[in-house]
Each structure stands twice: as C-alpha cells, then as structure tokens.
C-alpha cells in the first residue's frame, strides 16, 4: 500500500497504510468470506492470467455442482 500511495504521489499518511487498520480489514474480509462460503485465492505469486484461470475454474466447478444438485433434486420428485 505504501508503494501504491507513493506511485500516486500521495504524501499524507492515512489509515490506508496503517498496519493495524490493514490487519482489521483482512480479518473482516476473512469473516465475510467464511460466512458467505466464498473461496479465497492467494494471488501474491500469481500473474493476472493465472488468477483469472483459477477464478474461471472455480466458477465452472461451482456451476457444474449447481447443475448436478438441480438434476438430483429433479429426479427425486
């Protein structure tokens, strides 16, 4: 975040770069992802293309799972 602020030419210190604020944001995000049952992708060592491929795979798997669940519930009726 400090690098991003510097690249934008921002010199003022804000909560955006405060380590405690960042920790709180991460905790809140993890709680939300857990509650919503959303997958988490570590993108720290991935290219944008690798990240996009992973998201596409997760989406396709989710879609197939929903279709299988729907097919299963239709055959039960």
PDB file of N, CA and C in Angstrom:
ATOM      1  N   UNK A   1       0.817  -1.191   0.000  1.00  0.00           N
ATOM      2  CA  UNK A   1       0.000   0.000   0.000  1.00  0.00           C
ATOM      3  C   UNK A   1       0.863   1.257   0.000  1.00  0.00           C
ATOM      4  N   UNK A   2       1.986   1.197   0.695  1.00  0.00           N
ATOM      5  CA  UNK A   2       2.872   2.351   0.703  1.00  0.00           C
ATOM      6  C   UNK A   2       3.392   2.634  -0.697  1.00  0.00           C
ATOM      7  N   UNK A   3       3.752   1.582  -1.426  1.00  0.00           N
ATOM      8  CA  UNK A   3       4.226   1.755  -2.802  1.00  0.00           C
ATOM      9  C   UNK A   3       3.140   2.343  -3.685  1.00  0.00           C
ATOM     10  N   UNK A   4       1.920   1.889  -3.511  1.00  0.00           N
ATOM     11  CA  UNK A   4       0.807   2.400  -4.309  1.00  0.00           C
ATOM     12  C   UNK A   4       0.595   3.884  -4.019  1.00  0.00           C
ATOM     13  N   UNK A   5       0.643   4.250  -2.743  1.00  0.00           N
ATOM     14  CA  UNK A   5       0.474   5.652  -2.369  1.00  0.00           C
ATOM     15  C   UNK A   5       1.587   6.502  -2.978  1.00  0.00           C
ATOM     16  N   UNK A   6       2.823   6.000  -2.916  1.00  0.00           N
ATOM     17  CA  UNK A   6       3.951   6.738  -3.482  1.00  0.00           C
ATOM     18  C   UNK A   6       3.787   6.895  -4.992  1.00  0.00           C
ATOM     19  N   UNK A   7       3.333   5.831  -5.660  1.00  0.00           N
ATOM     20  CA  UNK A   7       3.144   5.889  -7.111  1.00  0.00           C
ATOM     21  C   UNK A   7       2.071   6.912  -7.494  1.00  0.00           C
ATOM     22  N   UNK A   8       1.106   7.100  -6.594  1.00  0.00           N
ATOM     23  CA  UNK A   8       0.053   8.090  -6.848  1.00  0.00           C
ATOM     24  C   UNK A   8       0.470   9.496  -6.439  1.00  0.00           C
ATOM     25  N   UNK A   9       1.668   9.606  -5.852  1.00  0.00           N
ATOM     26  CA  UNK A   9       2.158  10.910  -5.438  1.00  0.00           C
ATOM     27  C   UNK A   9       1.555  11.400  -4.143  1.00  0.00           C
ATOM     28  N   UNK A  10       0.943  10.498  -3.404  1.00  0.00           N
ATOM     29  CA  UNK A  10       0.299  10.859  -2.141  1.00  0.00           C
ATOM     30  C   UNK A  10       1.333  10.849  -1.023  1.00  0.00           C
ATOM     31  N   UNK A  11       1.497  11.976  -0.359  1.00  0.00           N
ATOM     32  CA  UNK A  11       2.489  12.104   0.703  1.00  0.00           C
ATOM     33  C   UNK A  11       1.874  12.012   2.100  1.00  0.00           C
ATOM     34  N   UNK A  12       0.585  12.264   2.224  1.00  0.00           N
ATOM     35  CA  UNK A  12      -0.067  12.251   3.537  1.00  0.00           C
ATOM     36  C   UNK A  12      -0.219  10.834   4.055  1.00  0.00           C
ATOM     37  N   UNK A  13       0.039  10.651   5.329  1.00  0.00           N
ATOM     38  CA  UNK A  13      -0.134   9.341   5.966  1.00  0.00           C
ATOM     39  C   UNK A  13      -1.618   9.170   6.305  1.00  0.00           C
ATOM     40  N   UNK A  14      -2.174   8.051   5.904  1.00  0.00           N
ATOM     41  CA  UNK A  14      -3.591   7.786   6.150  1.00  0.00           C
ATOM     42  C   UNK A  14      -3.747   6.403   6.771  1.00  0.00           C
ATOM     43  N   UNK A  15      -4.972   6.089   7.201  1.00  0.00           N
ATOM     44  CA  UNK A  15      -5.264   4.753   7.729  1.00  0.00           C
ATOM     45  C   UNK A  15      -5.031   3.666   6.685  1.00  0.00           C
ATOM     46  N   UNK A  16      -5.049   4.066   5.429  1.00  0.00           N
ATOM     47  CA  UNK A  16      -4.877   3.108   4.330  1.00  0.00           C
ATOM     48  C   UNK A  16      -3.578   2.325   4.460  1.00  0.00           C
ATOM     49  N   UNK A  17      -2.546   2.925   5.009  1.00  0.00           N
ATOM     50  CA  UNK A  17      -1.250   2.252   5.144  1.00  0.00           C
ATOM     51  C   UNK A  17      -0.951   1.851   6.593  1.00  0.00           C
ATOM     52  N   UNK A  18      -1.866   2.118   7.510  1.00  0.00           N
ATOM     53  CA  UNK A  18      -1.656   1.774   8.913  1.00  0.00           C
ATOM     54  C   UNK A  18      -1.723   0.252   9.075  1.00  0.00           C
ATOM     55  N   UNK A  19      -0.671  -0.380   9.609  1.00  0.00           N
ATOM     56  CA  UNK A  19      -0.648  -1.848   9.732  1.00  0.00           C
ATOM     57  C   UNK A  19      -1.821  -2.418  10.530  1.00  0.00           C
ATOM     58  N   UNK A  20      -2.222  -1.746  11.591  1.00  0.00           N
ATOM     59  CA  UNK A  20      -3.355  -2.235  12.390  1.00  0.00           C
ATOM     60  C   UNK A  20      -4.661  -2.160  11.604  1.00  0.00           C
ATOM     61  N   UNK A  21      -4.822  -1.095  10.846  1.00  0.00           N
ATOM     62  CA  UNK A  21      -6.014  -0.952  10.003  1.00  0.00           C
ATOM     63  C   UNK A  21      -6.055  -2.056   8.954  1.00  0.00           C
ATOM     64  N   UNK A  22      -4.910  -2.336   8.350  1.00  0.00           N
ATOM     65  CA  UNK A  22      -4.832  -3.390   7.336  1.00  0.00           C
ATOM     66  C   UNK A  22      -5.183  -4.737   7.954  1.00  0.00           C
ATOM     67  N   UNK A  23      -4.667  -5.031   9.143  1.00  0.00           N
ATOM     68  CA  UNK A  23      -4.990  -6.293   9.839  1.00  0.00           C
ATOM     69  C   UNK A  23      -6.484  -6.418  10.074  1.00  0.00           C
ATOM     70  N   UNK A  24      -7.118  -5.325  10.512  1.00  0.00           N
ATOM     71  CA  UNK A  24      -8.559  -5.350  10.753  1.00  0.00           C
ATOM     72  C   UNK A  24      -9.340  -5.594   9.463  1.00  0.00           C
ATOM     73  N   UNK A  25      -8.909  -4.972   8.386  1.00  0.00           N
ATOM     74  CA  UNK A  25      -9.583  -5.173   7.095  1.00  0.00           C
ATOM     75  C   UNK A  25      -9.464  -6.625   6.650  1.00  0.00           C
ATOM     76  N   UNK A  26      -8.306  -7.221   6.856  1.00  0.00           N
ATOM     77  CA  UNK A  26      -8.096  -8.621   6.474  1.00  0.00           C
ATOM     78  C   UNK A  26      -8.981  -9.530   7.315  1.00  0.00           C
ATOM     79  N   UNK A  27      -9.052  -9.282   8.630  1.00  0.00           N
ATOM     80  CA  UNK A  27      -9.915 -10.086   9.500  1.00  0.00           C
ATOM     81  C   UNK A  27     -11.384  -9.984   9.089  1.00  0.00           C
ATOM     82  N   UNK A  28     -11.829  -8.771   8.802  1.00  0.00           N
ATOM     83  CA  UNK A  28     -13.216  -8.581   8.372  1.00  0.00           C
ATOM     84  C   UNK A  28     -13.482  -9.312   7.063  1.00  0.00           C
ATOM     85  N   UNK A  29     -12.545  -9.238   6.129  1.00  0.00           N
ATOM     86  CA  UNK A  29     -12.716  -9.924   4.847  1.00  0.00           C
ATOM     87  C   UNK A  29     -12.777 -11.432   5.050  1.00  0.00           C
ATOM     88  N   UNK A  30     -11.888 -11.977   5.877  1.00  0.00           N
ATOM     89  CA  UNK A  30     -11.899 -13.423   6.133  1.00  0.00           C
ATOM     90  C   UNK A  30     -13.205 -13.872   6.757  1.00  0.00           C
ATOM     91  N   UNK A  31     -13.721 -13.084   7.689  1.00  0.00           N
ATOM     92  CA  UNK A  31     -15.021 -13.417   8.307  1.00  0.00           C
ATOM     93  C   UNK A  31     -16.135 -13.420   7.271  1.00  0.00           C
ATOM     94  N   UNK A  32     -16.146 -12.415   6.419  1.00  0.00           N
ATOM     95  CA  UNK A  32     -17.167 -12.324   5.370  1.00  0.00           C
ATOM     96  C   UNK A  32     -17.060 -13.507   4.419  1.00  0.00           C
ATOM     97  N   UNK A  33     -15.849 -13.824   3.970  1.00  0.00           N
ATOM     98  CA  UNK A  33     -15.664 -14.934   3.040  1.00  0.00           C
ATOM     99  C   UNK A  33     -16.102 -16.244   3.663  1.00  0.00           C
ATOM    100  N   UNK A  34     -15.796 -16.429   4.947  1.00  0.00           N
ATOM    101  CA  UNK A  34     -16.205 -17.648   5.643  1.00  0.00           C
ATOM    102  C   UNK A  34     -17.725 -17.718   5.742  1.00  0.00           C
ATOM    103  N   UNK A  35     -18.338 -16.609   6.159  1.00  0.00           N
ATOM    104  CA  UNK A  35     -19.796 -16.571   6.314  1.00  0.00           C
ATOM    105  C   UNK A  35     -20.507 -16.839   4.986  1.00  0.00           C
ATOM    106  N   UNK A  36     -19.979 -16.288   3.904  1.00  0.00           N
ATOM    107  CA  UNK A  36     -20.603 -16.444   2.591  1.00  0.00           C
ATOM    108  C   UNK A  36     -20.151 -17.714   1.868  1.00  0.00           C
ATOM    109  N   UNK A  37     -19.202 -18.425   2.484  1.00  0.00           N
ATOM    110  CA  UNK A  37     -18.633 -19.638   1.892  1.00  0.00           C
ATOM    111  C   UNK A  37     -17.981 -19.367   0.532  1.00  0.00           C
ATOM    112  N   UNK A  38     -17.290 -18.248   0.462  1.00  0.00           N
ATOM    113  CA  UNK A  38     -16.575 -17.874  -0.755  1.00  0.00           C
ATOM    114  C   UNK A  38     -15.156 -18.427  -0.695  1.00  0.00           C
ATOM    115  N   UNK A  39     -14.648 -18.927  -1.799  1.00  0.00           N
ATOM    116  CA  UNK A  39     -13.251 -19.379  -1.811  1.00  0.00           C
ATOM    117  C   UNK A  39     -12.300 -18.195  -1.747  1.00  0.00           C
ATOM    118  N   UNK A  40     -11.121 -18.448  -1.250  1.00  0.00           N
ATOM    119  CA  UNK A  40     -10.084 -17.418  -1.173  1.00  0.00           C
ATOM    120  C   UNK A  40      -8.930 -17.860  -2.058  1.00  0.00           C
ATOM    121  N   UNK A  41      -8.462 -16.967  -2.874  1.00  0.00           N
ATOM    122  CA  UNK A  41      -7.363 -17.257  -3.790  1.00  0.00           C
ATOM    123  C   UNK A  41      -6.160 -16.409  -3.379  1.00  0.00           C
ATOM    124  N   UNK A  42      -5.052 -17.054  -3.124  1.00  0.00           N
ATOM    125  CA  UNK A  42      -3.816 -16.328  -2.832  1.00  0.00           C
ATOM    126  C   UNK A  42      -3.207 -15.888  -4.155  1.00  0.00           C
ATOM    127  N   UNK A  43      -3.210 -14.606  -4.395  1.00  0.00           N
ATOM    128  CA  UNK A  43      -2.723 -14.073  -5.667  1.00  0.00           C
ATOM    129  C   UNK A  43      -1.324 -13.476  -5.551  1.00  0.00           C
ATOM    130  N   UNK A  44      -0.693 -13.642  -4.395  1.00  0.00           N
ATOM    131  CA  UNK A  44       0.580 -12.957  -4.154  1.00  0.00           C
ATOM    132  C   UNK A  44       1.687 -13.382  -5.107  1.00  0.00           C
ATOM    133  N   UNK A  45       1.669 -14.588  -5.609  1.00  0.00           N
ATOM    134  CA  UNK A  45       2.722 -15.032  -6.523  1.00  0.00           C
ATOM    135  C   UNK A  45       2.149 -15.500  -7.860  1.00  0.00           C
ATOM    136  N   UNK A  46       0.999 -14.964  -8.223  1.00  0.00           N
ATOM    137  CA  UNK A  46       0.350 -15.353  -9.472  1.00  0.00           C
ATOM    138  C   UNK A  46       0.238 -14.178 -10.418  1.00  0.00           C
ATOM    139  N   UNK A  47       0.303 -14.487 -11.686  1.00  0.00           N
ATOM    140  CA  UNK A  47       0.055 -13.453 -12.693  1.00  0.00           C
ATOM    141  C   UNK A  47      -1.455 -13.237 -12.781  1.00  0.00           C
ATOM    142  N   UNK A  48      -1.841 -12.170 -13.422  1.00  0.00           N
ATOM    143  CA  UNK A  48      -3.268 -11.889 -13.611  1.00  0.00           C
ATOM    144  C   UNK A  48      -3.926 -12.999 -14.425  1.00  0.00           C
ATOM    145  N   UNK A  49      -3.183 -13.564 -15.372  1.00  0.00           N
ATOM    146  CA  UNK A  49      -3.733 -14.641 -16.202  1.00  0.00           C
ATOM    147  C   UNK A  49      -3.963 -15.910 -15.375  1.00  0.00           C
ATOM    148  N   UNK A  50      -3.009 -16.224 -14.485  1.00  0.00           N
ATOM    149  CA  UNK A  50      -3.171 -17.397 -13.621  1.00  0.00           C
ATOM    150  C   UNK A  50      -4.342 -17.206 -12.659  1.00  0.00           C
ATOM    151  N   UNK A  51      -4.480 -16.000 -12.145  1.00  0.00           N
ATOM    152  CA  UNK A  51      -5.594 -15.704 -11.244  1.00  0.00           C
ATOM    153  C   UNK A  51      -6.925 -15.824 -11.978  1.00  0.00           C
ATOM    154  N   UNK A  52      -6.984 -15.280 -13.185  1.00  0.00           N
ATOM    155  CA  UNK A  52      -8.214 -15.363 -13.988  1.00  0.00           C
ATOM    156  C   UNK A  52      -8.562 -16.814 -14.296  1.00  0.00           C
ATOM    157  N   UNK A  53      -7.566 -17.628 -14.605  1.00  0.00           N
ATOM    158  CA  UNK A  53      -7.808 -19.048 -14.886  1.00  0.00           C
ATOM    159  C   UNK A  53      -8.344 -19.749 -13.649  1.00  0.00           C
ATOM    160  N   UNK A  54      -7.809 -19.434 -12.489  1.00  0.00           N
ATOM    161  CA  UNK A  54      -8.288 -20.048 -11.242  1.00  0.00           C
ATOM    162  C   UNK A  54      -9.728 -19.643 -10.952  1.00  0.00           C
ATOM    163  N   UNK A  55     -10.044 -18.373 -11.150  1.00  0.00           N
ATOM    164  CA  UNK A  55     -11.413 -17.904 -10.946  1.00  0.00           C
ATOM    165  C   UNK A  55     -12.358 -18.600 -11.917  1.00  0.00           C
ATOM    166  N   UNK A  56     -11.949 -18.728 -13.158  1.00  0.00           N
ATOM    167  CA  UNK A  56     -12.769 -19.416 -14.160  1.00  0.00           C
ATOM    168  C   UNK A  56     -12.998 -20.868 -13.769  1.00  0.00           C
ATOM    169  N   UNK A  57     -11.958 -21.548 -13.305  1.00  0.00           N
ATOM    170  CA  UNK A  57     -12.097 -22.941 -12.854  1.00  0.00           C
ATOM    171  C   UNK A  57     -13.047 -23.050 -11.678  1.00  0.00           C
ATOM    172  N   UNK A  58     -12.897 -22.170 -10.696  1.00  0.00           N
ATOM    173  CA  UNK A  58     -13.789 -22.191  -9.536  1.00  0.00           C
ATOM    174  C   UNK A  58     -15.235 -21.957  -9.959  1.00  0.00           C
ATOM    175  N   UNK A  59     -15.442 -21.012 -10.858  1.00  0.00           N
ATOM    176  CA  UNK A  59     -16.792 -20.722 -11.336  1.00  0.00           C
ATOM    177  C   UNK A  59     -17.383 -21.918 -12.077  1.00  0.00           C
ATOM    178  N   UNK A  60     -16.606 -22.515 -12.969  1.00  0.00           N
ATOM    179  CA  UNK A  60     -17.104 -23.664 -13.725  1.00  0.00           C
ATOM    180  C   UNK A  60     -17.426 -24.838 -12.802  1.00  0.00           C
ATOM    181  N   UNK A  61     -16.580 -25.071 -11.805  1.00  0.00           N
ATOM    182  CA  UNK A  61     -16.854 -26.139 -10.832  1.00  0.00           C
ATOM    183  C   UNK A  61     -18.122 -25.850 -10.044  1.00  0.00           C
ATOM    184  N   UNK A  62     -18.298 -24.589  -9.643  1.00  0.00           N
ATOM    185  CA  UNK A  62     -19.498 -24.196  -8.907  1.00  0.00           C
ATOM    186  C   UNK A  62     -20.743 -24.399  -9.773  1.00  0.00           C
ATOM    187  N   UNK A  63     -20.649 -24.001 -11.052  1.00  0.00           N
ATOM    188  CA  UNK A  63     -21.771 -24.132 -11.974  1.00  0.00           C
ATOM    189  C   UNK A  63     -22.137 -25.609 -12.187  1.00  0.00           C
ATOM    190  N   UNK A  64     -21.122 -26.454 -12.360  1.00  0.00           N
ATOM    191  CA  UNK A  64     -21.361 -27.890 -12.529  1.00  0.00           C
ATOM    192  C   UNK A  64     -21.990 -28.487 -11.277  1.00  0.00           C
ATOM    193  N   UNK A  65     -21.533 -28.059 -10.126  1.00  0.00           N
ATOM    194  CA  UNK A  65     -22.079 -28.537  -8.863  1.00  0.00           C
ATOM    195  C   UNK A  65     -23.552 -28.152  -8.721  1.00  0.00           C
ATOM    196  N   UNK A  66     -23.878 -26.913  -9.087  1.00  0.00           N
ATOM    197  CA  UNK A  66     -25.277 -26.469  -9.035  1.00  0.00           C
ATOM    198  C   UNK A  66     -26.144 -27.264  -9.994  1.00  0.00           C
ATOM    199  N   UNK A  67     -25.629 -27.528 -11.198  1.00  0.00           N
ATOM    200  CA  UNK A  67     -26.387 -28.281 -12.194  1.00  0.00           C
ATOM    201  C   UNK A  67     -26.621 -29.708 -11.702  1.00  0.00           C
ATOM    202  N   UNK A  68     -25.600 -30.312 -11.096  1.00  0.00           N
ATOM    203  CA  UNK A  68     -25.739 -31.675 -10.581  1.00  0.00           C
ATOM    204  C   UNK A  68     -26.744 -31.721  -9.434  1.00  0.00           C
ATOM    205  N   UNK A  69     -26.713 -30.713  -8.574  1.00  0.00           N
ATOM    206  CA  UNK A  69     -27.659 -30.651  -7.462  1.00  0.00           C
ATOM    207  C   UNK A  69     -29.079 -30.485  -7.981  1.00  0.00           C
ATOM    208  N   UNK A  70     -29.245 -29.623  -8.972  1.00  0.00           N
ATOM    209  CA  UNK A  70     -30.570 -29.404  -9.555  1.00  0.00           C
ATOM    210  C   UNK A  70     -31.077 -30.669 -10.237  1.00  0.00           C
ATOM    211  N   UNK A  71     -30.201 -31.362 -10.949  1.00  0.00           N
ATOM    212  CA  UNK A  71     -30.588 -32.610 -11.620  1.00  0.00           C
ATOM    213  C   UNK A  71     -30.975 -33.665 -10.593  1.00  0.00           C
ATOM    214  N   UNK A  72     -30.255 -33.721  -9.499  1.00  0.00           N
ATOM    215  CA  UNK A  72     -30.552 -34.677  -8.438  1.00  0.00           C
ATOM    216  C   UNK A  72     -31.882 -34.408  -7.777  1.00  0.00           C
ATOM    217  N   UNK A  73     -32.215 -33.144  -7.578  1.00  0.00           N
ATOM    218  CA  UNK A  73     -33.482 -32.817  -6.943  1.00  0.00           C
ATOM    219  C   UNK A  73     -34.648 -33.034  -7.902  1.00  0.00           C
ATOM    220  N   UNK A  74     -34.427 -32.892  -9.195  1.00  0.00           N
ATOM    221  CA  UNK A  74     -35.485 -33.142 -10.169  1.00  0.00           C
ATOM    222  C   UNK A  74     -35.805 -34.638 -10.264  1.00  0.00           C
ATOM    223  N   UNK A  75     -34.749 -35.481 -10.172  1.00  0.00           N
ATOM    224  CA  UNK A  75     -35.001 -36.911 -10.275  1.00  0.00           C
ATOM    225  C   UNK A  75     -35.648 -37.466  -9.008  1.00  0.00           C
ATOM    226  N   UNK A  76     -35.549 -36.740  -7.906  1.00  0.00           N
ATOM    227  CA  UNK A  76     -36.145 -37.193  -6.649  1.00  0.00           C
ATOM    228  C   UNK A  76     -37.633 -36.915  -6.603  1.00  0.00           C
ATOM    229  N   UNK A  77     -38.108 -36.047  -7.502  1.00  0.00           N
ATOM    230  CA  UNK A  77     -39.541 -35.717  -7.479  1.00  0.00           C
ATOM    231  C   UNK A  77     -40.327 -36.552  -8.442  1.00  0.00           C
TER     232      UNK A  77
END
